Protein backbone atom coordinates (compact mmCIF):
# COMPACT_ATOMS: atom_id res chain seq x y z
CA UNK A 1 9.84 -4.31 -16.34
CA UNK A 2 12.37 -1.77 -17.14
CA UNK A 3 13.36 1.55 -16.23
CA UNK A 4 11.44 4.50 -17.66
CA UNK A 5 13.18 7.30 -19.26
CA UNK A 6 11.27 10.17 -20.69
CA UNK A 7 13.06 13.92 -19.68
CA UNK A 8 11.95 15.89 -22.42
CA UNK A 9 13.91 18.97 -23.73
CA UNK A 10 10.62 21.33 -22.55
CA UNK A 11 11.72 19.55 -19.72
CA UNK A 12 15.38 19.95 -18.85
CA UNK A 13 15.06 23.66 -19.77
CA UNK A 14 11.99 23.50 -17.39
CA UNK A 15 14.57 22.32 -14.04
CA UNK A 16 17.19 25.08 -15.64
CA UNK A 17 14.11 28.46 -15.51
CA UNK A 18 13.27 26.68 -12.16
CA UNK A 19 17.42 27.04 -10.76
CA UNK A 20 17.40 30.38 -12.09
CA UNK A 21 14.27 31.56 -10.19
CA UNK A 22 14.19 29.41 -6.90
CA UNK A 23 16.70 32.35 -5.64
CA UNK A 24 14.15 35.52 -6.13
CA UNK A 25 11.72 33.28 -3.78
CA UNK A 26 10.85 33.29 -0.16
CA UNK A 27 9.00 29.79 -0.21
CA UNK A 28 7.75 27.16 -1.89
CA UNK A 29 3.98 25.68 -2.93
CA UNK A 30 5.02 21.38 -4.31
CA UNK A 31 2.13 19.68 -5.11
CA UNK A 32 1.91 16.07 -5.16
CA UNK A 33 -0.98 13.68 -6.22
CA UNK A 34 -2.92 12.84 -2.86
CA UNK A 35 -3.58 9.38 -4.16
CA UNK A 36 -0.40 8.71 -4.71
CA UNK A 37 1.97 11.45 -2.77
CA UNK A 38 5.11 9.59 -2.91
CA UNK A 39 5.65 8.28 -6.68
CA UNK A 40 3.92 11.99 -7.76
CA UNK A 41 7.40 13.76 -4.77
CA UNK A 42 10.48 15.00 -7.36
CA UNK A 43 13.56 13.56 -6.48
CA UNK A 44 15.00 16.67 -7.46
CA UNK A 45 12.83 19.05 -5.86
CA UNK A 46 14.21 18.44 -2.93
CA UNK A 47 17.78 20.00 -4.26
CA UNK A 48 16.31 22.63 -6.11
CA UNK A 49 14.57 24.19 -2.26
CA UNK A 50 17.54 23.46 -0.27
CA UNK A 51 16.44 25.07 2.89
CA UNK A 52 13.33 27.27 1.76
CA UNK A 53 9.98 27.50 3.76
CA UNK A 54 7.69 25.31 1.82
CA UNK A 55 3.89 24.18 2.79
CA UNK A 56 3.23 20.32 0.59
CA UNK A 57 0.20 20.15 -1.28
CA UNK A 58 -1.34 17.12 -2.25
CA UNK A 59 -4.10 17.99 -4.81
CA UNK A 60 -6.71 15.88 -6.25
CA UNK A 61 -7.35 14.76 -2.43
CA UNK A 62 -11.34 14.90 -3.41
CA UNK A 63 -9.99 11.58 -5.57
CA UNK A 64 -8.10 10.09 -2.91
CA UNK A 65 -9.83 7.63 -0.38
CA UNK A 66 -9.77 9.96 3.31
CA UNK A 67 -8.33 7.52 5.82
CA UNK A 68 -5.15 6.94 3.34
CA UNK A 69 -4.56 10.89 3.05
CA UNK A 70 -5.31 11.50 7.05
CA UNK A 71 -2.26 8.90 7.39
CA UNK A 72 -0.13 10.59 4.37
CA UNK A 73 -1.07 13.83 6.34
CA UNK A 74 0.70 12.10 9.81
CA UNK A 75 3.86 10.32 7.88
CA UNK A 76 4.97 13.90 6.66
CA UNK A 77 4.16 16.00 9.74
CA UNK A 78 6.06 13.14 11.83
CA UNK A 79 9.18 14.59 9.35
CA UNK A 80 8.01 18.08 10.07
CA UNK A 81 6.87 18.98 6.67
CA UNK A 82 4.29 21.22 6.55
CA UNK A 83 1.19 19.20 5.04
CA UNK A 84 -2.60 19.97 3.43
CA UNK A 85 -5.19 17.76 1.98
CA UNK A 86 -5.93 20.36 -1.03
CA UNK A 87 -10.01 19.78 -3.06
CA UNK A 88 -9.43 23.25 -5.40
CA UNK A 89 -13.00 23.56 -5.09
CA UNK A 90 -12.90 23.80 -2.02
CA UNK A 91 -12.17 27.50 -1.10
CA UNK A 92 -12.14 27.21 2.45
CA UNK A 93 -8.79 24.82 2.08
CA UNK A 94 -7.57 27.13 -1.00
CA UNK A 95 -7.73 30.06 1.67
CA UNK A 96 -5.98 28.24 4.02
CA UNK A 97 -2.57 28.78 1.94
CA UNK A 98 -1.38 32.21 2.39
CA UNK A 99 -2.76 31.84 6.24
CA UNK A 100 -0.03 28.75 6.31
CA UNK A 101 2.63 30.75 4.02
CA UNK A 102 2.74 33.73 6.83
CA UNK A 103 2.81 31.41 9.79
CA UNK A 104 5.68 29.73 8.48
CA UNK A 105 7.59 33.05 7.13
CA UNK A 106 6.83 34.80 10.77
CA UNK A 107 10.34 34.80 11.98
CA UNK A 108 12.26 35.81 8.74
CA UNK A 109 9.45 39.01 8.61
CA UNK A 110 10.70 39.69 11.94
CA UNK A 111 14.19 39.38 11.22
CA UNK A 112 13.67 41.53 8.73
CA UNK A 113 11.90 44.47 10.16
CA UNK A 114 14.39 43.99 13.03
CA UNK A 115 16.60 45.91 10.03
CA UNK A 116 14.46 48.20 8.72
CA UNK A 117 13.64 46.68 6.27
CA UNK A 118 9.88 45.82 5.23
CA UNK A 119 7.81 42.84 3.55
CA UNK A 120 5.50 44.14 0.90
CA UNK A 121 4.75 40.02 -0.68
CA UNK A 122 5.73 36.69 -0.02
CA UNK A 123 6.89 35.10 -3.44
CA UNK A 124 6.25 31.78 -3.21
CA UNK A 125 7.26 29.57 -6.65
CA UNK A 126 4.20 26.68 -7.42
CA UNK A 127 6.62 23.01 -8.27
CA UNK A 128 5.38 19.54 -9.24
CA UNK A 129 4.83 17.26 -11.87
CA UNK A 130 2.58 17.54 -14.77
CA UNK A 131 -0.95 17.04 -14.60
CA UNK A 132 -1.46 17.76 -11.23
CA UNK A 133 -3.86 20.77 -10.91
CA UNK A 134 -0.39 23.59 -10.50
CA UNK A 135 -2.81 26.02 -13.23
CA UNK A 136 -6.45 25.61 -11.63
CA UNK A 137 -4.51 25.75 -8.43
CA UNK A 138 -3.13 28.81 -9.28
CA UNK A 139 -6.63 30.55 -10.95
CA UNK A 140 -8.60 29.21 -7.54
CA UNK A 141 -5.60 31.05 -5.53
CA UNK A 142 -5.71 34.71 -7.62
CA UNK A 143 -9.46 33.95 -8.34
CA UNK A 144 -9.22 35.19 -12.27
CA UNK A 145 -8.08 32.81 -15.10
CA UNK A 146 -4.51 33.58 -14.66
CA UNK A 147 -2.97 30.04 -15.42
CA UNK A 148 -3.28 27.84 -18.66
CA UNK A 149 -4.96 24.68 -17.29
CA UNK A 150 -5.77 21.42 -19.14
CA UNK A 151 -6.16 17.20 -18.70
CA UNK A 152 -3.14 16.69 -20.14
CA UNK A 153 0.60 16.28 -19.07
CA UNK A 154 2.58 19.84 -20.22
CA UNK A 155 0.02 22.62 -20.82
CA UNK A 156 2.17 24.94 -18.80
CA UNK A 157 4.93 26.09 -20.89
CA UNK A 158 6.81 29.36 -19.82
CA UNK A 159 6.64 31.10 -16.51
CA UNK A 160 4.67 34.01 -14.95
CA UNK A 161 3.96 35.87 -11.32
CA UNK A 162 0.66 35.50 -10.41
CA UNK A 163 -1.31 38.16 -7.75
CA UNK A 164 -3.14 37.10 -4.73
CA UNK A 165 -4.41 39.22 -2.95
CA UNK A 166 -2.26 42.40 -1.52
CA UNK A 167 0.16 39.63 0.41
CA UNK A 168 1.31 36.61 -1.93
CA UNK A 169 2.30 36.25 -6.01
CA UNK A 170 3.11 32.67 -7.50
CA UNK A 171 5.59 31.37 -9.95
CA UNK A 172 3.88 29.10 -12.09
CA UNK A 173 5.87 26.48 -14.01
CA UNK A 174 5.55 24.15 -15.82
CA UNK A 175 5.32 20.54 -14.44
CA UNK A 176 8.82 18.33 -13.73
CA UNK A 177 9.74 14.85 -14.19
CA UNK A 178 12.87 13.33 -13.56
CA UNK A 179 14.92 11.66 -16.03
CA UNK A 180 14.43 8.39 -15.27
CA UNK A 181 12.55 6.39 -13.56
CA UNK A 182 14.55 3.93 -11.29
CA UNK A 183 10.77 1.90 -9.87
CA UNK A 184 8.37 1.08 -12.41
CA UNK A 185 6.06 0.86 -10.32
CA UNK A 186 6.71 4.74 -9.35
CA UNK A 187 5.82 5.05 -13.29
CA UNK A 188 2.81 2.93 -13.24
CA UNK A 189 1.00 5.17 -10.86
CA UNK A 190 1.71 7.93 -12.71
CA UNK A 191 0.78 7.25 -15.79
CA UNK A 192 -2.64 5.75 -14.45
CA UNK A 193 -2.69 8.93 -12.45
CA UNK A 194 -2.03 11.17 -16.20
CA UNK A 195 1.17 12.26 -15.06
CA UNK A 196 2.68 10.52 -18.35
CA UNK A 197 2.04 10.59 -21.78
CA UNK A 198 0.84 7.39 -22.84
CA UNK A 199 2.81 7.16 -25.55
CA UNK A 200 5.03 6.71 -22.58
CA UNK A 201 3.64 3.22 -21.34
CA UNK A 202 1.30 1.19 -23.26
CA UNK A 203 -2.87 1.39 -21.96
CA UNK A 204 -3.26 -1.67 -21.94
CA UNK A 205 0.25 -2.30 -18.74
CA UNK A 206 -1.23 0.88 -16.86
CA UNK A 207 -4.95 -0.68 -17.04
CA UNK A 208 -4.08 -3.83 -16.13
CA UNK A 209 -1.58 -2.92 -12.90
CA UNK A 210 -4.67 -0.41 -11.94
CA UNK A 211 -7.02 -3.59 -12.00
CA UNK A 212 -4.30 -5.63 -9.76
CA UNK A 213 -4.28 -2.92 -7.59
CA UNK A 214 -7.91 -2.44 -7.40
CA UNK A 215 -8.41 -6.58 -6.48
CA UNK A 216 -6.30 -6.24 -3.91
CA UNK A 217 -7.11 -2.98 -2.05
CA UNK A 218 -10.77 -2.15 -3.50
CA UNK A 219 -12.24 -5.00 -4.38
CA UNK A 220 -15.76 -3.68 -3.92
CA UNK A 221 -15.56 -0.66 -6.39
CA UNK A 222 -15.07 -2.93 -8.86
CA UNK A 223 -17.45 -5.14 -8.80
CA UNK A 224 -19.78 -2.19 -8.05
CA UNK A 225 -18.58 -0.52 -10.98
CA UNK A 226 -18.81 -3.22 -13.60
CA UNK A 227 -21.33 -5.52 -12.35
CA UNK A 228 -18.61 -8.10 -11.25
CA UNK A 229 -20.15 -11.14 -8.92
CA UNK A 230 -16.63 -12.75 -8.57
CA UNK A 231 -13.40 -12.46 -10.07
CA UNK A 232 -11.82 -14.41 -13.26
CA UNK A 233 -8.89 -16.31 -12.13
CA UNK A 234 -6.21 -14.98 -13.25
CA UNK A 235 -4.05 -12.21 -12.53
CA UNK A 236 -5.54 -9.38 -14.40
CA UNK A 237 -5.86 -9.93 -18.32
CA UNK A 238 -8.54 -11.62 -17.48
CA UNK A 239 -10.13 -9.50 -15.28
CA UNK A 240 -9.62 -6.37 -18.48
CA UNK A 241 -10.85 -8.38 -21.09
CA UNK A 242 -14.56 -9.12 -18.48
CA UNK A 243 -14.39 -5.98 -17.72
CA UNK A 244 -14.02 -4.52 -21.99
CA UNK A 245 -17.25 -8.08 -22.11
CA UNK A 246 -19.09 -5.63 -19.81
CA UNK A 247 -18.34 -2.34 -21.57
CA UNK A 248 -19.54 -4.26 -25.17
CA UNK A 249 -15.74 -3.22 -26.26
CA UNK A 250 -16.28 -5.98 -29.20
CA UNK A 251 -14.56 -6.44 -32.59
CA UNK A 252 -15.49 -8.33 -35.55
CA UNK A 253 -15.11 -11.98 -34.45
CA UNK A 254 -16.44 -11.04 -31.12
CA UNK A 255 -12.76 -10.93 -29.90
CA UNK A 256 -12.16 -8.01 -27.07
CA UNK A 257 -11.24 -4.30 -27.38
CA UNK A 258 -8.12 -4.63 -25.51
CA UNK A 259 -7.15 -0.55 -26.05
CA UNK A 260 -10.80 0.71 -25.41
CA UNK A 261 -11.35 -1.61 -22.36
CA UNK A 262 -8.26 -0.13 -21.25
CA UNK A 263 -9.48 3.72 -21.46
CA UNK A 264 -11.77 2.93 -19.90
CA UNK A 265 -10.49 1.56 -16.71
CA UNK A 266 -8.03 4.63 -16.68
CA UNK A 267 -10.67 7.41 -17.92
CA UNK A 268 -13.12 5.30 -14.88
CA UNK A 269 -10.16 6.12 -11.82
CA UNK A 270 -9.36 8.91 -13.25
CA UNK A 271 -12.79 10.86 -13.12
CA UNK A 272 -13.45 9.22 -9.33
CA UNK A 273 -16.02 6.27 -10.89
CA UNK A 274 -14.27 4.04 -8.87
CA UNK A 275 -14.82 6.31 -6.20
CA UNK A 276 -12.19 7.54 -3.85
CA UNK A 277 -8.78 5.54 -4.39
CA UNK A 278 -4.89 6.14 -2.82
CA UNK A 279 -2.70 4.07 -5.21
CA UNK A 280 0.25 3.91 -2.76
CA UNK A 281 -0.44 4.10 1.38
CA UNK A 282 2.30 5.05 4.15
CA UNK A 283 3.21 1.41 4.95
CA UNK A 284 3.92 -0.36 1.51
CA UNK A 285 6.92 2.79 1.62
CA UNK A 286 8.28 1.84 4.92
CA UNK A 287 8.32 -1.56 4.73
CA UNK A 288 10.08 -1.01 1.51
CA UNK A 289 12.35 0.96 3.28
CA UNK A 290 13.36 -1.54 5.86
CA UNK A 291 13.52 -4.55 3.57
CA UNK A 292 15.34 -2.31 0.99
CA UNK A 293 18.05 -1.76 3.73
CA UNK A 294 18.47 -5.67 3.99
CA UNK A 295 19.14 -6.10 0.27
CA UNK A 296 21.05 -3.35 -0.63
CA UNK A 297 24.18 -6.23 -1.15
CA UNK A 298 21.89 -7.25 -3.72
CA UNK A 299 20.98 -4.52 -5.20
CA UNK A 300 17.35 -6.04 -4.80
CA UNK A 301 14.13 -3.08 -4.31
CA UNK A 302 10.18 -5.23 -2.71
CA UNK A 303 7.39 -3.81 -4.85
CA UNK A 304 4.46 -3.64 -2.64
């Protein structure tokens, strides 16, 4: 599998804008996809954010495996990073964000007050990959339609400050992917989630990756959704073919419409029709880290 390269001009521009505006904010709200937290963490963000306080918001937690999400929260908090799951339909969870932000900035506020400087409101920047739910979250926080939303990557193209109550202002930013994705499995997870435009990776490849993963980690979901009594023996193509037959994805001559079958699998995953599924777990990455260190001289890195 080859390295995925995708860094359109508007993303390069967005990164420059973030670099310019980051100096004006007190903290960062970093949005991850709860189904693939580390795969959806842009490695550029650490350098951009520096030492500013941040909250990791694990978006779409209502689509992720609860037990796995709990493991990720422990993973991040064990590294002294504030993290919380977010279902944008859950008002209580969304309402916690300004309160946590205030807590993280208590020391800065106190230091300014000692100097006689009044702290008016928190200025926070929202950062994350495309299609992770930034605009939807901002609209929930603001209590109005203040940011454009869309079920595709690349909807937000500009930057705007949005007032959240009397205590917070949020800077909405476009989603930023990194110039190239070295690990092809990371690219496939991102494509399955909808973060990468579909023309970058063939739908069939992404659906095959997803089916193989589901058969290994969530076989009961496949059986229930597609009424499979048993799985075909092959790695993934036979399984996609069987799903296509069950869903009537046929073309003239009785052949399978592979693209249509792949679309059904991806749509079922993204909409939650396959149940609450997480595409990676902390132990997957921990195991890779341990084995990767022993393979540094060969240049090989294990894949989960």
